[in-house]
């Protein structure tokens, strides 16, 4: 007897449902939105100062430095002094170049972000039933009317 009473407590109350049609007032499609990053190369002109080389001064400095270095040392030391003198003379003679301003294009990669609509996700549907307005989301377009279930239960 106790088991029967317990079993009756867990039996759901079945409500009676009736199906009505309600007039659709508005249908709005809902699209998903996603962000897309697209790398783009952006270039802009930049002014840069450059010092040009003085080729004639480098050659003359190397010759003069080698001639001076050749005056020092004996044997293989004289050869080393000549080479060192030539290198030092070339560096000193090449410093007479002029400075000029040139325009260069400097490029860098930047990400441009765009928002684009994705696929259709459903419809927000507004409808009227018994002089009241309701809104729901549906997977497909409902047309002019929607079918709704109305359940009747006893209120206590």
Protein backbone atom coordinates (compact mmCIF):
# COMPACT_ATOMS: atom_id res chain seq x y z
CA UNK A 1 0.00 0.00 0.00
CA UNK A 2 2.83 2.41 0.92
CA UNK A 3 4.59 1.62 -2.36
CA UNK A 4 1.47 2.38 -4.33
CA UNK A 5 1.07 5.76 -2.62
CA UNK A 6 4.73 6.61 -3.25
CA UNK A 7 4.41 5.66 -6.90
CA UNK A 8 1.35 7.88 -7.28
CA UNK A 9 3.31 10.87 -5.94
CA UNK A 10 5.81 10.60 -8.80
CA UNK A 11 3.26 10.28 -11.59
CA UNK A 12 3.29 13.55 -13.54
CA UNK A 13 0.09 15.46 -13.94
CA UNK A 14 -0.84 15.45 -17.62
CA UNK A 15 -2.10 18.79 -18.84
CA UNK A 16 -4.49 19.09 -21.70
CA UNK A 17 -2.97 21.09 -24.62
CA UNK A 18 -4.85 23.00 -27.26
CA UNK A 19 -3.26 24.39 -30.43
CA UNK A 20 -4.10 27.92 -31.57
CA UNK A 21 -2.89 30.10 -34.38
CA UNK A 22 -1.55 33.56 -33.60
CA UNK A 23 -0.96 36.42 -36.03
CA UNK A 24 2.72 37.22 -36.74
CA UNK A 25 3.51 40.92 -36.31
CA UNK A 26 7.22 41.06 -37.13
CA UNK A 27 10.00 38.70 -38.26
CA UNK A 28 13.65 39.74 -37.90
CA UNK A 29 16.46 37.48 -39.22
CA UNK A 30 19.36 36.95 -36.79
CA UNK A 31 22.85 36.59 -38.24
CA UNK A 32 26.00 35.60 -36.39
CA UNK A 33 28.81 38.18 -36.56
CA UNK A 34 32.49 37.33 -36.56
CA UNK A 35 35.66 39.38 -36.62
CA UNK A 36 38.28 38.73 -39.29
CA UNK A 37 41.89 39.98 -39.06
CA UNK A 38 43.52 40.62 -42.42
CA UNK A 39 47.25 41.44 -42.43
CA UNK A 40 48.10 44.35 -44.73
CA UNK A 41 51.40 45.94 -45.65
CA UNK A 42 51.44 49.71 -45.09
CA UNK A 43 54.26 51.76 -46.62
CA UNK A 44 55.08 55.38 -45.94
CA UNK A 45 57.84 57.71 -47.13
CA UNK A 46 60.51 58.53 -44.53
CA UNK A 47 63.37 61.00 -44.92
CA UNK A 48 66.78 59.56 -44.00
CA UNK A 49 70.17 61.27 -43.85
CA UNK A 50 73.02 59.38 -45.51
CA UNK A 51 76.66 60.19 -45.70
CA UNK A 52 78.05 59.42 -49.12
CA UNK A 53 81.53 57.96 -49.43
CA UNK A 54 84.42 59.98 -50.78
CA UNK A 55 85.97 57.49 -53.19
CA UNK A 56 88.75 59.76 -54.40
CA UNK A 57 89.66 60.67 -50.82
CA UNK A 58 89.71 56.97 -49.83
CA UNK A 59 92.10 56.08 -52.69
CA UNK A 60 94.39 59.05 -52.11
CA UNK A 61 94.40 58.41 -48.34
CA UNK A 62 95.33 54.75 -48.90
CA UNK A 63 98.23 55.73 -51.20
CA UNK A 64 99.51 58.42 -48.82
CA UNK A 65 99.14 56.13 -45.77
CA UNK A 66 100.99 53.30 -47.52
CA UNK A 67 103.78 55.67 -48.54
CA UNK A 68 104.14 56.94 -44.97
CA UNK A 69 103.93 53.42 -43.48
CA UNK A 70 106.63 52.26 -45.91
CA UNK A 71 109.08 54.65 -44.20
CA UNK A 72 109.01 52.58 -40.97
CA UNK A 73 110.40 49.17 -40.12
CA UNK A 74 112.70 46.74 -41.90
CA UNK A 75 112.04 43.44 -43.73
CA UNK A 76 108.59 41.97 -43.06
CA UNK A 77 107.94 44.74 -40.48
CA UNK A 78 108.20 47.25 -43.30
CA UNK A 79 105.50 45.33 -45.24
CA UNK A 80 103.20 45.33 -42.19
CA UNK A 81 103.75 49.06 -41.63
CA UNK A 82 102.92 49.73 -45.31
CA UNK A 83 99.62 47.76 -45.09
CA UNK A 84 98.62 49.38 -41.77
CA UNK A 85 99.44 52.82 -43.16
CA UNK A 86 97.31 52.13 -46.25
CA UNK A 87 94.29 51.03 -44.17
CA UNK A 88 94.51 53.99 -41.78
CA UNK A 89 95.02 56.42 -44.67
CA UNK A 90 91.95 55.02 -46.51
CA UNK A 91 89.76 55.51 -43.42
CA UNK A 92 90.96 59.06 -42.89
CA UNK A 93 90.69 60.00 -46.58
CA UNK A 94 87.14 58.54 -46.91
CA UNK A 95 85.68 60.76 -44.18
CA UNK A 96 85.32 63.72 -46.47
CA UNK A 97 81.98 62.57 -47.94
CA UNK A 98 78.96 64.82 -47.95
CA UNK A 99 75.64 64.27 -46.12
CA UNK A 100 72.49 64.06 -48.20
CA UNK A 101 68.82 63.56 -47.32
CA UNK A 102 66.99 60.84 -49.26
CA UNK A 103 63.42 59.59 -49.11
CA UNK A 104 62.90 55.86 -48.55
CA UNK A 105 59.74 53.80 -48.31
CA UNK A 106 59.46 52.07 -44.92
CA UNK A 107 56.93 49.24 -44.82
CA UNK A 108 55.31 47.40 -41.92
CA UNK A 109 52.57 44.82 -41.53
CA UNK A 110 49.40 45.80 -39.65
CA UNK A 111 46.22 43.83 -38.95
CA UNK A 112 42.95 45.34 -40.15
CA UNK A 113 39.92 44.00 -38.30
CA UNK A 114 36.63 43.63 -40.14
CA UNK A 115 33.27 42.52 -38.79
CA UNK A 116 31.35 40.40 -41.21
CA UNK A 117 28.03 38.66 -41.04
CA UNK A 118 28.16 34.95 -40.71
CA UNK A 119 25.39 32.48 -41.46
CA UNK A 120 21.70 32.90 -40.61
CA UNK A 121 21.08 31.64 -37.06
CA UNK A 122 17.32 32.04 -36.76
CA UNK A 123 14.48 34.56 -36.57
CA UNK A 124 13.12 36.74 -33.80
CA UNK A 125 9.35 36.52 -34.22
CA UNK A 126 6.79 38.84 -32.61
CA UNK A 127 3.21 37.61 -32.54
CA UNK A 128 -0.11 38.56 -30.97
CA UNK A 129 -2.26 36.15 -28.97
CA UNK A 130 -5.33 37.14 -26.97
CA UNK A 131 -4.54 40.87 -27.34
CA UNK A 132 -1.03 40.45 -25.92
CA UNK A 133 2.28 40.67 -27.74
CA UNK A 134 4.92 37.91 -27.42
CA UNK A 135 8.38 37.38 -28.90
CA UNK A 136 10.21 34.13 -29.50
CA UNK A 137 13.20 32.89 -31.51
CA UNK A 138 12.52 30.31 -34.22
CA UNK A 139 14.78 28.26 -36.49
CA UNK A 140 12.71 28.94 -39.63
CA UNK A 141 10.57 31.75 -40.99
CA UNK A 142 7.02 31.24 -39.62
CA UNK A 143 5.00 32.90 -42.37
CA UNK A 144 1.84 34.89 -41.51
CA UNK A 145 0.86 32.88 -38.40
CA UNK A 146 2.48 30.71 -35.74
CA UNK A 147 0.98 27.68 -34.07
CA UNK A 148 1.13 27.78 -30.28
CA UNK A 149 0.34 25.20 -27.63
CA UNK A 150 -1.79 26.33 -24.72
CA UNK A 151 -1.86 24.01 -21.71
CA UNK A 152 -4.76 24.04 -19.25
CA UNK A 153 -4.20 23.02 -15.67
CA UNK A 154 -6.25 23.47 -12.57
CA UNK A 155 -5.11 26.40 -10.47
CA UNK A 156 -5.43 25.88 -6.73
